[in-house]
Structure formats: structure tokens, C-alpha cells
């Protein structure tokens, strides 16, 4: 398969993702506004608005993840770590991080044991 076909298919897929993201985001906004108006002025809430909004949020989450990854714009959580000097990064990876993870796991186990006591 020629590379121009793959790139054309990729551009088409990105355009489809853009349309889905735009439509789902607008639908969430419209449904939320309509639901607020109904609740405030008409005295009832639209159950369908909440259900469809939740579905759209899931769509935006997963399609947005795909779109961001294809554009190389995904969120990276290493900005602080990357800005540290190499020696501090090594110290962090060897000493601080394992102790921190062990402490968090210990706290989780202790809370779980306390919560399950009868």
C-alpha cells in the first residue's frame, strides 16, 4: 500500500475524529443548558439529557485520546521530573520513589483492613 494512501486515510480519520469531538462537545453543552432551563423554569429535569451527556463524555474521552495521540499532543506528567538535574533524578528513582510507593501501598492496605473489620 503506498504511503500517500495511508496518510490520506490518516487525514480522513483525523477529520472524522474532529467532527465527532466537536459534535459530542456541542451536544453536551446544549443538553446541559436545556436541562438547566427545564429544571429552573419548568420544574422538571430531562433524564435523557444526563444519560446522553454521560455517553458523550465517554466518547469525547476516548476519541479525544486517540486524536491527541495521533497529533502528539497528549498530556505528559514528567515536566517537573525532566527539569531536575540528572543526579536528583537518579536519587528520586532509586530512593524517594520506591519509598513513596511503599508508603502509599501500606496506607491502602491498612485502610482496607480497617474497612473490612466486622
PDB file of N, CA and C in Angstrom:
ATOM      1  N   UNK A   1       0.841  -1.175   0.000  1.00  0.00           N
ATOM      2  CA  UNK A   1       0.000   0.000   0.000  1.00  0.00           C
ATOM      3  C   UNK A   1       0.893   1.247   0.000  1.00  0.00           C
ATOM      4  N   UNK A   2       0.707   2.161  -0.912  1.00  0.00           N
ATOM      5  CA  UNK A   2       1.547   3.353  -0.974  1.00  0.00           C
ATOM      6  C   UNK A   2       1.376   4.229   0.268  1.00  0.00           C
ATOM      7  N   UNK A   3       2.452   4.954   0.613  1.00  0.00           N
ATOM      8  CA  UNK A   3       2.421   5.777   1.815  1.00  0.00           C
ATOM      9  C   UNK A   3       1.427   6.929   1.704  1.00  0.00           C
ATOM     10  N   UNK A   4       1.199   7.448   0.487  1.00  0.00           N
ATOM     11  CA  UNK A   4       0.245   8.547   0.343  1.00  0.00           C
ATOM     12  C   UNK A   4      -1.175   8.095   0.644  1.00  0.00           C
ATOM     13  N   UNK A   5      -1.476   6.807   0.401  1.00  0.00           N
ATOM     14  CA  UNK A   5      -2.797   6.270   0.732  1.00  0.00           C
ATOM     15  C   UNK A   5      -2.970   6.193   2.238  1.00  0.00           C
ATOM     16  N   UNK A   6      -1.940   5.752   2.948  1.00  0.00           N
ATOM     17  CA  UNK A   6      -2.019   5.667   4.402  1.00  0.00           C
ATOM     18  C   UNK A   6      -2.165   7.059   4.995  1.00  0.00           C
ATOM     19  N   UNK A   7      -1.411   7.998   4.487  1.00  0.00           N
ATOM     20  CA  UNK A   7      -1.504   9.349   5.024  1.00  0.00           C
ATOM     21  C   UNK A   7      -2.856   9.971   4.685  1.00  0.00           C
ATOM     22  N   UNK A   8      -3.416   9.666   3.539  1.00  0.00           N
ATOM     23  CA  UNK A   8      -4.750  10.164   3.200  1.00  0.00           C
ATOM     24  C   UNK A   8      -5.791   9.527   4.123  1.00  0.00           C
ATOM     25  N   UNK A   9      -5.622   8.242   4.393  1.00  0.00           N
ATOM     26  CA  UNK A   9      -6.539   7.567   5.319  1.00  0.00           C
ATOM     27  C   UNK A   9      -6.395   8.146   6.724  1.00  0.00           C
ATOM     28  N   UNK A  10      -5.180   8.448   7.134  1.00  0.00           N
ATOM     29  CA  UNK A  10      -4.954   9.049   8.446  1.00  0.00           C
ATOM     30  C   UNK A  10      -5.589  10.425   8.556  1.00  0.00           C
ATOM     31  N   UNK A  11      -5.458  11.218   7.493  1.00  0.00           N
ATOM     32  CA  UNK A  11      -6.093  12.552   7.490  1.00  0.00           C
ATOM     33  C   UNK A  11      -7.607  12.435   7.534  1.00  0.00           C
ATOM     34  N   UNK A  12      -8.147  11.468   6.817  1.00  0.00           N
ATOM     35  CA  UNK A  12      -9.595  11.251   6.832  1.00  0.00           C
ATOM     36  C   UNK A  12     -10.057  10.840   8.223  1.00  0.00           C
ATOM     37  N   UNK A  13      -9.316   9.946   8.857  1.00  0.00           N
ATOM     38  CA  UNK A  13      -9.675   9.509  10.207  1.00  0.00           C
ATOM     39  C   UNK A  13      -9.591  10.664  11.201  1.00  0.00           C
ATOM     40  N   UNK A  14      -8.554  11.504  11.069  1.00  0.00           N
ATOM     41  CA  UNK A  14      -8.450  12.670  11.952  1.00  0.00           C
ATOM     42  C   UNK A  14      -9.618  13.626  11.752  1.00  0.00           C
ATOM     43  N   UNK A  15     -10.028  13.809  10.528  1.00  0.00           N
ATOM     44  CA  UNK A  15     -11.168  14.697  10.253  1.00  0.00           C
ATOM     45  C   UNK A  15     -12.444  14.123  10.871  1.00  0.00           C
ATOM     46  N   UNK A  16     -12.638  12.805  10.763  1.00  0.00           N
ATOM     47  CA  UNK A  16     -13.800  12.163  11.375  1.00  0.00           C
ATOM     48  C   UNK A  16     -13.764  12.338  12.885  1.00  0.00           C
ATOM     49  N   UNK A  17     -12.575  12.160  13.477  1.00  0.00           N
ATOM     50  CA  UNK A  17     -12.434  12.353  14.927  1.00  0.00           C
ATOM     51  C   UNK A  17     -12.753  13.794  15.317  1.00  0.00           C
ATOM     52  N   UNK A  18     -12.292  14.760  14.533  1.00  0.00           N
ATOM     53  CA  UNK A  18     -12.584  16.172  14.820  1.00  0.00           C
ATOM     54  C   UNK A  18     -14.081  16.443  14.810  1.00  0.00           C
ATOM     55  N   UNK A  19     -14.783  15.884  13.823  1.00  0.00           N
ATOM     56  CA  UNK A  19     -16.228  16.082  13.723  1.00  0.00           C
ATOM     57  C   UNK A  19     -16.938  15.438  14.908  1.00  0.00           C
ATOM     58  N   UNK A  20     -16.541  14.217  15.261  1.00  0.00           N
ATOM     59  CA  UNK A  20     -17.154  13.531  16.403  1.00  0.00           C
ATOM     60  C   UNK A  20     -16.921  14.317  17.684  1.00  0.00           C
ATOM     61  N   UNK A  21     -15.692  14.786  17.890  1.00  0.00           N
ATOM     62  CA  UNK A  21     -15.383  15.552  19.102  1.00  0.00           C
ATOM     63  C   UNK A  21     -16.179  16.854  19.154  1.00  0.00           C
ATOM     64  N   UNK A  22     -16.251  17.565  18.049  1.00  0.00           N
ATOM     65  CA  UNK A  22     -16.994  18.824  18.023  1.00  0.00           C
ATOM     66  C   UNK A  22     -18.476  18.588  18.285  1.00  0.00           C
ATOM     67  N   UNK A  23     -19.046  17.599  17.617  1.00  0.00           N
ATOM     68  CA  UNK A  23     -20.468  17.305  17.780  1.00  0.00           C
ATOM     69  C   UNK A  23     -20.777  16.877  19.212  1.00  0.00           C
ATOM     70  N   UNK A  24     -19.978  15.977  19.771  1.00  0.00           N
ATOM     71  CA  UNK A  24     -20.233  15.493  21.126  1.00  0.00           C
ATOM     72  C   UNK A  24     -20.085  16.605  22.160  1.00  0.00           C
ATOM     73  N   UNK A  25     -19.093  17.466  21.985  1.00  0.00           N
ATOM     74  CA  UNK A  25     -18.895  18.570  22.923  1.00  0.00           C
ATOM     75  C   UNK A  25     -20.056  19.563  22.843  1.00  0.00           C
ATOM     76  N   UNK A  26     -20.480  19.903  21.638  1.00  0.00           N
ATOM     77  CA  UNK A  26     -21.628  20.796  21.484  1.00  0.00           C
ATOM     78  C   UNK A  26     -22.902  20.171  22.040  1.00  0.00           C
ATOM     79  N   UNK A  27     -23.072  18.879  21.828  1.00  0.00           N
ATOM     80  CA  UNK A  27     -24.255  18.189  22.343  1.00  0.00           C
ATOM     81  C   UNK A  27     -24.277  18.215  23.869  1.00  0.00           C
ATOM     82  N   UNK A  28     -23.130  18.023  24.495  1.00  0.00           N
ATOM     83  CA  UNK A  28     -23.052  18.113  25.960  1.00  0.00           C
ATOM     84  C   UNK A  28     -23.476  19.497  26.420  1.00  0.00           C
ATOM     85  N   UNK A  29     -22.960  20.539  25.770  1.00  0.00           N
ATOM     86  CA  UNK A  29     -23.297  21.909  26.156  1.00  0.00           C
ATOM     87  C   UNK A  29     -24.782  22.189  25.971  1.00  0.00           C
ATOM     88  N   UNK A  30     -25.327  21.806  24.832  1.00  0.00           N
ATOM     89  CA  UNK A  30     -26.746  22.067  24.553  1.00  0.00           C
ATOM     90  C   UNK A  30     -27.635  21.304  25.528  1.00  0.00           C
ATOM     91  N   UNK A  31     -27.348  20.042  25.750  1.00  0.00           N
ATOM     92  CA  UNK A  31     -28.162  19.249  26.676  1.00  0.00           C
ATOM     93  C   UNK A  31     -28.102  19.795  28.098  1.00  0.00           C
ATOM     94  N   UNK A  32     -26.933  20.242  28.507  1.00  0.00           N
ATOM     95  CA  UNK A  32     -26.804  20.799  29.849  1.00  0.00           C
ATOM     96  C   UNK A  32     -27.612  22.083  29.985  1.00  0.00           C
ATOM     97  N   UNK A  33     -27.537  22.948  28.990  1.00  0.00           N
ATOM     98  CA  UNK A  33     -28.295  24.198  29.027  1.00  0.00           C
ATOM     99  C   UNK A  33     -29.796  23.927  29.001  1.00  0.00           C
ATOM    100  N   UNK A  34     -30.240  23.034  28.134  1.00  0.00           N
ATOM    101  CA  UNK A  34     -31.664  22.694  28.060  1.00  0.00           C
ATOM    102  C   UNK A  34     -32.140  22.096  29.375  1.00  0.00           C
ATOM    103  N   UNK A  35     -31.327  21.247  29.969  1.00  0.00           N
ATOM    104  CA  UNK A  35     -31.709  20.634  31.238  1.00  0.00           C
ATOM    105  C   UNK A  35     -31.823  21.685  32.343  1.00  0.00           C
ATOM    106  N   UNK A  36     -30.894  22.630  32.385  1.00  0.00           N
ATOM    107  CA  UNK A  36     -30.952  23.700  33.394  1.00  0.00           C
ATOM    108  C   UNK A  36     -32.199  24.556  33.186  1.00  0.00           C
ATOM    109  N   UNK A  37     -32.510  24.894  31.947  1.00  0.00           N
ATOM    110  CA  UNK A  37     -33.703  25.696  31.655  1.00  0.00           C
ATOM    111  C   UNK A  37     -34.961  24.937  32.071  1.00  0.00           C
ATOM    112  N   UNK A  38     -35.046  23.670  31.729  1.00  0.00           N
ATOM    113  CA  UNK A  38     -36.222  22.861  32.106  1.00  0.00           C
ATOM    114  C   UNK A  38     -36.361  22.769  33.625  1.00  0.00           C
ATOM    115  N   UNK A  39     -35.247  22.534  34.290  1.00  0.00           N
ATOM    116  CA  UNK A  39     -35.292  22.394  35.743  1.00  0.00           C
ATOM    117  C   UNK A  39     -35.666  23.712  36.417  1.00  0.00           C
ATOM    118  N   UNK A  40     -35.125  24.806  35.913  1.00  0.00           N
ATOM    119  CA  UNK A  40     -35.351  26.109  36.552  1.00  0.00           C
ATOM    120  C   UNK A  40     -36.741  26.667  36.262  1.00  0.00           C
ATOM    121  N   UNK A  41     -37.152  26.635  35.009  1.00  0.00           N
ATOM    122  CA  UNK A  41     -38.394  27.303  34.637  1.00  0.00           C
ATOM    123  C   UNK A  41     -39.599  26.372  34.513  1.00  0.00           C
ATOM    124  N   UNK A  42     -39.373  25.116  34.214  1.00  0.00           N
ATOM    125  CA  UNK A  42     -40.495  24.201  34.009  1.00  0.00           C
ATOM    126  C   UNK A  42     -40.697  23.233  35.165  1.00  0.00           C
ATOM    127  N   UNK A  43     -39.727  23.160  36.063  1.00  0.00           N
ATOM    128  CA  UNK A  43     -39.887  22.350  37.260  1.00  0.00           C
ATOM    129  C   UNK A  43     -39.599  20.866  37.090  1.00  0.00           C
ATOM    130  N   UNK A  44     -39.037  20.448  35.988  1.00  0.00           N
ATOM    131  CA  UNK A  44     -38.663  19.037  35.819  1.00  0.00           C
ATOM    132  C   UNK A  44     -37.313  18.943  35.139  1.00  0.00           C
ATOM    133  N   UNK A  45     -36.683  17.804  35.300  1.00  0.00           N
ATOM    134  CA  UNK A  45     -35.371  17.573  34.710  1.00  0.00           C
ATOM    135  C   UNK A  45     -35.487  16.514  33.623  1.00  0.00           C
ATOM    136  N   UNK A  46     -34.702  16.673  32.593  1.00  0.00           N
ATOM    137  CA  UNK A  46     -34.707  15.700  31.498  1.00  0.00           C
ATOM    138  C   UNK A  46     -33.738  14.563  31.824  1.00  0.00           C
ATOM    139  N   UNK A  47     -34.265  13.375  32.038  1.00  0.00           N
ATOM    140  CA  UNK A  47     -33.412  12.221  32.342  1.00  0.00           C
ATOM    141  C   UNK A  47     -32.528  11.876  31.151  1.00  0.00           C
ATOM    142  N   UNK A  48     -33.072  12.031  29.967  1.00  0.00           N
ATOM    143  CA  UNK A  48     -32.308  11.694  28.765  1.00  0.00           C
ATOM    144  C   UNK A  48     -31.088  12.605  28.613  1.00  0.00           C
ATOM    145  N   UNK A  49     -31.203  13.842  29.100  1.00  0.00           N
ATOM    146  CA  UNK A  49     -30.081  14.774  28.970  1.00  0.00           C
ATOM    147  C   UNK A  49     -28.867  14.270  29.732  1.00  0.00           C
ATOM    148  N   UNK A  50     -29.098  13.784  30.939  1.00  0.00           N
ATOM    149  CA  UNK A  50     -27.973  13.284  31.742  1.00  0.00           C
ATOM    150  C   UNK A  50     -27.384  12.021  31.128  1.00  0.00           C
ATOM    151  N   UNK A  51     -28.226  11.119  30.672  1.00  0.00           N
ATOM    152  CA  UNK A  51     -27.732   9.865  30.090  1.00  0.00           C
ATOM    153  C   UNK A  51     -26.926  10.122  28.817  1.00  0.00           C
ATOM    154  N   UNK A  52     -27.458  10.945  27.940  1.00  0.00           N
ATOM    155  CA  UNK A  52     -26.771  11.224  26.678  1.00  0.00           C
ATOM    156  C   UNK A  52     -25.479  12.005  26.938  1.00  0.00           C
ATOM    157  N   UNK A  53     -25.515  12.928  27.905  1.00  0.00           N
ATOM    158  CA  UNK A  53     -24.312  13.696  28.243  1.00  0.00           C
ATOM    159  C   UNK A  53     -23.211  12.772  28.756  1.00  0.00           C
ATOM    160  N   UNK A  54     -23.563  11.823  29.613  1.00  0.00           N
ATOM    161  CA  UNK A  54     -22.558  10.874  30.105  1.00  0.00           C
ATOM    162  C   UNK A  54     -21.978  10.053  28.961  1.00  0.00           C
ATOM    163  N   UNK A  55     -22.814   9.622  28.046  1.00  0.00           N
ATOM    164  CA  UNK A  55     -22.346   8.866  26.888  1.00  0.00           C
ATOM    165  C   UNK A  55     -21.406   9.728  26.037  1.00  0.00           C
ATOM    166  N   UNK A  56     -21.763  10.992  25.848  1.00  0.00           N
ATOM    167  CA  UNK A  56     -20.919  11.897  25.058  1.00  0.00           C
ATOM    168  C   UNK A  56     -19.582  12.156  25.750  1.00  0.00           C
ATOM    169  N   UNK A  57     -19.592  12.241  27.074  1.00  0.00           N
ATOM    170  CA  UNK A  57     -18.338  12.441  27.804  1.00  0.00           C
ATOM    171  C   UNK A  57     -17.411  11.250  27.582  1.00  0.00           C
ATOM    172  N   UNK A  58     -17.951  10.055  27.582  1.00  0.00           N
ATOM    173  CA  UNK A  58     -17.144   8.859  27.329  1.00  0.00           C
ATOM    174  C   UNK A  58     -16.595   8.890  25.901  1.00  0.00           C
ATOM    175  N   UNK A  59     -17.440   9.280  24.954  1.00  0.00           N
ATOM    176  CA  UNK A  59     -16.989   9.386  23.559  1.00  0.00           C
ATOM    177  C   UNK A  59     -15.866  10.408  23.437  1.00  0.00           C
ATOM    178  N   UNK A  60     -16.055  11.577  24.048  1.00  0.00           N
ATOM    179  CA  UNK A  60     -15.036  12.631  23.979  1.00  0.00           C
ATOM    180  C   UNK A  60     -13.739  12.144  24.609  1.00  0.00           C
ATOM    181  N   UNK A  61     -13.846  11.407  25.698  1.00  0.00           N
ATOM    182  CA  UNK A  61     -12.652  10.901  26.378  1.00  0.00           C
ATOM    183  C   UNK A  61     -11.845   9.977  25.462  1.00  0.00           C
ATOM    184  N   UNK A  62     -12.483   8.987  24.900  1.00  0.00           N
ATOM    185  CA  UNK A  62     -11.747   8.000  24.114  1.00  0.00           C
ATOM    186  C   UNK A  62     -11.366   8.490  22.721  1.00  0.00           C
ATOM    187  N   UNK A  63     -12.270   9.179  22.056  1.00  0.00           N
ATOM    188  CA  UNK A  63     -11.926   9.708  20.731  1.00  0.00           C
ATOM    189  C   UNK A  63     -10.896  10.828  20.883  1.00  0.00           C
ATOM    190  N   UNK A  64     -11.033  11.625  21.942  1.00  0.00           N
ATOM    191  CA  UNK A  64     -10.059  12.682  22.202  1.00  0.00           C
ATOM    192  C   UNK A  64      -8.682  12.128  22.500  1.00  0.00           C
ATOM    193  N   UNK A  65      -8.623  11.014  23.209  1.00  0.00           N
ATOM    194  CA  UNK A  65      -7.348  10.360  23.487  1.00  0.00           C
ATOM    195  C   UNK A  65      -6.685   9.911  22.185  1.00  0.00           C
ATOM    196  N   UNK A  66      -7.459   9.321  21.308  1.00  0.00           N
ATOM    197  CA  UNK A  66      -6.935   8.885  20.018  1.00  0.00           C
ATOM    198  C   UNK A  66      -6.465  10.075  19.176  1.00  0.00           C
ATOM    199  N   UNK A  67      -7.272  11.117  19.163  1.00  0.00           N
ATOM    200  CA  UNK A  67      -6.931  12.307  18.378  1.00  0.00           C
ATOM    201  C   UNK A  67      -5.665  12.968  18.918  1.00  0.00           C
ATOM    202  N   UNK A  68      -5.589  13.119  20.241  1.00  0.00           N
ATOM    203  CA  UNK A  68      -4.413  13.754  20.845  1.00  0.00           C
ATOM    204  C   UNK A  68      -3.154  12.928  20.603  1.00  0.00           C
ATOM    205  N   UNK A  69      -3.278  11.611  20.695  1.00  0.00           N
ATOM    206  CA  UNK A  69      -2.114  10.751  20.458  1.00  0.00           C
ATOM    207  C   UNK A  69      -1.660  10.841  19.005  1.00  0.00           C
ATOM    208  N   UNK A  70      -2.615  10.906  18.083  1.00  0.00           N
ATOM    209  CA  UNK A  70      -2.230  10.987  16.668  1.00  0.00           C
ATOM    210  C   UNK A  70      -1.570  12.326  16.336  1.00  0.00           C
ATOM    211  N   UNK A  71      -1.910  13.364  17.085  1.00  0.00           N
ATOM    212  CA  UNK A  71      -1.304  14.680  16.884  1.00  0.00           C
ATOM    213  C   UNK A  71      -0.052  14.878  17.739  1.00  0.00           C
ATOM    214  N   UNK A  72       0.237  13.921  18.630  1.00  0.00           N
ATOM    215  CA  UNK A  72       1.374  14.051  19.523  1.00  0.00           C
ATOM    216  C   UNK A  72       1.161  15.117  20.578  1.00  0.00           C
ATOM    217  N   UNK A  73      -0.086  15.337  20.981  1.00  0.00           N
ATOM    218  CA  UNK A  73      -0.427  16.395  21.928  1.00  0.00           C
ATOM    219  C   UNK A  73      -0.965  15.841  23.242  1.00  0.00           C
ATOM    220  N   UNK A  74      -0.652  14.600  23.553  1.00  0.00           N
ATOM    221  CA  UNK A  74      -1.144  14.007  24.790  1.00  0.00           C
ATOM    222  C   UNK A  74      -0.431  14.634  25.991  1.00  0.00           C
ATOM    223  N   UNK A  75      -1.056  14.522  27.142  1.00  0.00           N
ATOM    224  CA  UNK A  75      -0.519  15.130  28.351  1.00  0.00           C
ATOM    225  C   UNK A  75       0.598  14.256  28.898  1.00  0.00           C
ATOM    226  N   UNK A  76       1.712  14.894  29.193  1.00  0.00           N
ATOM    227  CA  UNK A  76       2.824  14.184  29.822  1.00  0.00           C
ATOM    228  C   UNK A  76       2.993  14.731  31.222  1.00  0.00           C
ATOM    229  N   UNK A  77       3.172  13.851  32.157  1.00  0.00           N
ATOM    230  CA  UNK A  77       3.237  14.252  33.558  1.00  0.00           C
ATOM    231  C   UNK A  77       4.677  14.275  34.067  1.00  0.00           C
ATOM    232  N   UNK A  78       5.635  14.467  33.191  1.00  0.00           N
ATOM    233  CA  UNK A  78       7.036  14.403  33.596  1.00  0.00           C
ATOM    234  C   UNK A  78       7.741  15.749  33.530  1.00  0.00           C
ATOM    235  N   UNK A  79       6.996  16.836  33.458  1.00  0.00           N
ATOM    236  CA  UNK A  79       7.619  18.148  33.280  1.00  0.00           C
ATOM    237  C   UNK A  79       8.547  18.494  34.444  1.00  0.00           C
ATOM    238  N   UNK A  80       8.103  18.281  35.663  1.00  0.00           N
ATOM    239  CA  UNK A  80       8.939  18.600  36.828  1.00  0.00           C
ATOM    240  C   UNK A  80      10.131  17.654  36.880  1.00  0.00           C
ATOM    241  N   UNK A  81       9.872  16.373  36.692  1.00  0.00           N
ATOM    242  CA  UNK A  81      10.939  15.374  36.729  1.00  0.00           C
ATOM    243  C   UNK A  81      11.996  15.671  35.667  1.00  0.00           C
ATOM    244  N   UNK A  82      11.573  16.004  34.464  1.00  0.00           N
ATOM    245  CA  UNK A  82      12.513  16.286  33.377  1.00  0.00           C
ATOM    246  C   UNK A  82      13.348  17.538  33.626  1.00  0.00           C
ATOM    247  N   UNK A  83      12.825  18.460  34.425  1.00  0.00           N
ATOM    248  CA  UNK A  83      13.566  19.698  34.681  1.00  0.00           C
ATOM    249  C   UNK A  83      14.609  19.544  35.788  1.00  0.00           C
ATOM    250  N   UNK A  84      14.586  18.423  36.511  1.00  0.00           N
ATOM    251  CA  UNK A  84      15.557  18.198  37.581  1.00  0.00           C
ATOM    252  C   UNK A  84      16.921  17.821  37.014  1.00  0.00           C
ATOM    253  N   UNK A  85      17.986  18.126  37.745  1.00  0.00           N
ATOM    254  CA  UNK A  85      19.321  17.673  37.318  1.00  0.00           C
ATOM    255  C   UNK A  85      19.396  16.138  37.340  1.00  0.00           C
ATOM    256  N   UNK A  86      20.310  15.589  36.573  1.00  0.00           N
ATOM    257  CA  UNK A  86      20.429  14.140  36.437  1.00  0.00           C
ATOM    258  C   UNK A  86      20.659  13.452  37.778  1.00  0.00           C
ATOM    259  N   UNK A  87      21.496  14.010  38.626  1.00  0.00           N
ATOM    260  CA  UNK A  87      21.775  13.375  39.927  1.00  0.00           C
ATOM    261  C   UNK A  87      20.519  13.331  40.800  1.00  0.00           C
ATOM    262  N   UNK A  88      19.714  14.390  40.764  1.00  0.00           N
ATOM    263  CA  UNK A  88      18.477  14.411  41.557  1.00  0.00           C
ATOM    264  C   UNK A  88      17.478  13.411  40.987  1.00  0.00           C
ATOM    265  N   UNK A  89      17.428  13.307  39.659  1.00  0.00           N
ATOM    266  CA  UNK A  89      16.532  12.314  39.043  1.00  0.00           C
ATOM    267  C   UNK A  89      16.915  10.897  39.454  1.00  0.00           C
ATOM    268  N   UNK A  90      18.214  10.607  39.451  1.00  0.00           N
ATOM    269  CA  UNK A  90      18.664   9.270  39.865  1.00  0.00           C
ATOM    270  C   UNK A  90      18.308   9.012  41.320  1.00  0.00           C
ATOM    271  N   UNK A  91      18.552   9.994  42.191  1.00  0.00           N
ATOM    272  CA  UNK A  91      18.209   9.859  43.599  1.00  0.00           C
ATOM    273  C   UNK A  91      16.712   9.633  43.771  1.00  0.00           C
ATOM    274  N   UNK A  92      15.943  10.368  43.011  1.00  0.00           N
ATOM    275  CA  UNK A  92      14.492  10.230  43.080  1.00  0.00           C
ATOM    276  C   UNK A  92      14.057   8.828  42.678  1.00  0.00           C
ATOM    277  N   UNK A  93      14.622   8.307  41.581  1.00  0.00           N
ATOM    278  CA  UNK A  93      14.222   6.984  41.091  1.00  0.00           C
ATOM    279  C   UNK A  93      14.701   5.859  42.000  1.00  0.00           C
ATOM    280  N   UNK A  94      15.880   6.011  42.573  1.00  0.00           N
ATOM    281  CA  UNK A  94      16.449   4.941  43.394  1.00  0.00           C
ATOM    282  C   UNK A  94      15.922   4.985  44.824  1.00  0.00           C
ATOM    283  N   UNK A  95      15.804   6.181  45.407  1.00  0.00           N
ATOM    284  CA  UNK A  95      15.486   6.264  46.826  1.00  0.00           C
ATOM    285  C   UNK A  95      14.102   6.764  47.165  1.00  0.00           C
ATOM    286  N   UNK A  96      13.724   7.885  46.617  1.00  0.00           N
ATOM    287  CA  UNK A  96      12.490   8.539  47.053  1.00  0.00           C
ATOM    288  C   UNK A  96      11.252   7.856  46.497  1.00  0.00           C
ATOM    289  N   UNK A  97      11.231   7.568  45.220  1.00  0.00           N
ATOM    290  CA  UNK A  97      10.054   6.992  44.591  1.00  0.00           C
ATOM    291  C   UNK A  97       9.671   5.633  45.162  1.00  0.00           C
ATOM    292  N   UNK A  98      10.602   4.688  45.327  1.00  0.00           N
ATOM    293  CA  UNK A  98      10.203   3.399  45.907  1.00  0.00           C
ATOM    294  C   UNK A  98       9.648   3.524  47.324  1.00  0.00           C
ATOM    295  N   UNK A  99      10.233   4.409  48.133  1.00  0.00           N
ATOM    296  CA  UNK A  99       9.732   4.604  49.496  1.00  0.00           C
ATOM    297  C   UNK A  99       8.330   5.212  49.453  1.00  0.00           C
ATOM    298  N   UNK A 100       8.121   6.170  48.586  1.00  0.00           N
ATOM    299  CA  UNK A 100       6.812   6.794  48.456  1.00  0.00           C
ATOM    300  C   UNK A 100       5.753   5.783  48.013  1.00  0.00           C
ATOM    301  N   UNK A 101       6.081   4.961  47.033  1.00  0.00           N
ATOM    302  CA  UNK A 101       5.145   3.940  46.556  1.00  0.00           C
ATOM    303  C   UNK A 101       4.848   2.933  47.661  1.00  0.00           C
ATOM    304  N   UNK A 102       5.870   2.515  48.396  1.00  0.00           N
ATOM    305  CA  UNK A 102       5.663   1.569  49.500  1.00  0.00           C
ATOM    306  C   UNK A 102       4.767   2.176  50.571  1.00  0.00           C
ATOM    307  N   UNK A 103       4.962   3.459  50.885  1.00  0.00           N
ATOM    308  CA  UNK A 103       4.124   4.116  51.883  1.00  0.00           C
ATOM    309  C   UNK A 103       2.673   4.186  51.436  1.00  0.00           C
ATOM    310  N   UNK A 104       2.451   4.534  50.196  1.00  0.00           N
ATOM    311  CA  UNK A 104       1.082   4.625  49.683  1.00  0.00           C
ATOM    312  C   UNK A 104       0.417   3.255  49.706  1.00  0.00           C
ATOM    313  N   UNK A 105       1.134   2.227  49.287  1.00  0.00           N
ATOM    314  CA  UNK A 105       0.569   0.872  49.305  1.00  0.00           C
ATOM    315  C   UNK A 105       0.269   0.415  50.722  1.00  0.00           C
ATOM    316  N   UNK A 106       1.150   0.739  51.665  1.00  0.00           N
ATOM    317  CA  UNK A 106       0.916   0.374  53.062  1.00  0.00           C
ATOM    318  C   UNK A 106      -0.332   1.064  53.583  1.00  0.00           C
ATOM    319  N   UNK A 107      -0.483   2.326  53.292  1.00  0.00           N
ATOM    320  CA  UNK A 107      -1.692   3.051  53.723  1.00  0.00           C
ATOM    321  C   UNK A 107      -2.949   2.429  53.119  1.00  0.00           C
ATOM    322  N   UNK A 108      -2.884   2.045  51.858  1.00  0.00           N
ATOM    323  CA  UNK A 108      -4.042   1.436  51.211  1.00  0.00           C
ATOM    324  C   UNK A 108      -4.407   0.111  51.867  1.00  0.00           C
ATOM    325  N   UNK A 109      -3.402  -0.691  52.186  1.00  0.00           N
ATOM    326  CA  UNK A 109      -3.656  -1.983  52.827  1.00  0.00           C
ATOM    327  C   UNK A 109      -4.249  -1.766  54.215  1.00  0.00           C
ATOM    328  N   UNK A 110      -3.691  -0.840  54.983  1.00  0.00           N
ATOM    329  CA  UNK A 110      -4.199  -0.575  56.329  1.00  0.00           C
ATOM    330  C   UNK A 110      -5.644  -0.109  56.292  1.00  0.00           C
ATOM    331  N   UNK A 111      -5.969   0.787  55.379  1.00  0.00           N
ATOM    332  CA  UNK A 111      -7.351   1.267  55.267  1.00  0.00           C
ATOM    333  C   UNK A 111      -8.289   0.134  54.838  1.00  0.00           C
ATOM    334  N   UNK A 112      -7.816  -0.701  53.954  1.00  0.00           N
ATOM    335  CA  UNK A 112      -8.639  -1.817  53.511  1.00  0.00           C
ATOM    336  C   UNK A 112      -8.908  -2.793  54.645  1.00  0.00           C
ATOM    337  N   UNK A 113      -7.892  -3.071  55.454  1.00  0.00           N
ATOM    338  CA  UNK A 113      -8.046  -3.989  56.579  1.00  0.00           C
ATOM    339  C   UNK A 113      -9.026  -3.391  57.599  1.00  0.00           C
ATOM    340  N   UNK A 114      -8.865  -2.093  57.901  1.00  0.00           N
ATOM    341  CA  UNK A 114      -9.778  -1.429  58.857  1.00  0.00           C
ATOM    342  C   UNK A 114     -11.204  -1.411  58.341  1.00  0.00           C
ATOM    343  N   UNK A 115     -11.389  -1.183  57.049  1.00  0.00           N
ATOM    344  CA  UNK A 115     -12.741  -1.086  56.480  1.00  0.00           C
ATOM    345  C   UNK A 115     -13.440  -2.427  56.476  1.00  0.00           C
ATOM    346  N   UNK A 116     -12.691  -3.525  56.401  1.00  0.00           N
ATOM    347  CA  UNK A 116     -13.308  -4.855  56.310  1.00  0.00           C
ATOM    348  C   UNK A 116     -13.499  -5.526  57.658  1.00  0.00           C
ATOM    349  N   UNK A 117     -13.113  -4.857  58.746  1.00  0.00           N
ATOM    350  CA  UNK A 117     -13.340  -5.424  60.077  1.00  0.00           C
ATOM    351  C   UNK A 117     -14.822  -5.365  60.406  1.00  0.00           C
ATOM    352  N   UNK A 118     -15.295  -6.443  61.010  1.00  0.00           N
ATOM    353  CA  UNK A 118     -16.727  -6.506  61.354  1.00  0.00           C
ATOM    354  C   UNK A 118     -16.897  -6.284  62.839  1.00  0.00           C
TER     355      UNK A 118
END
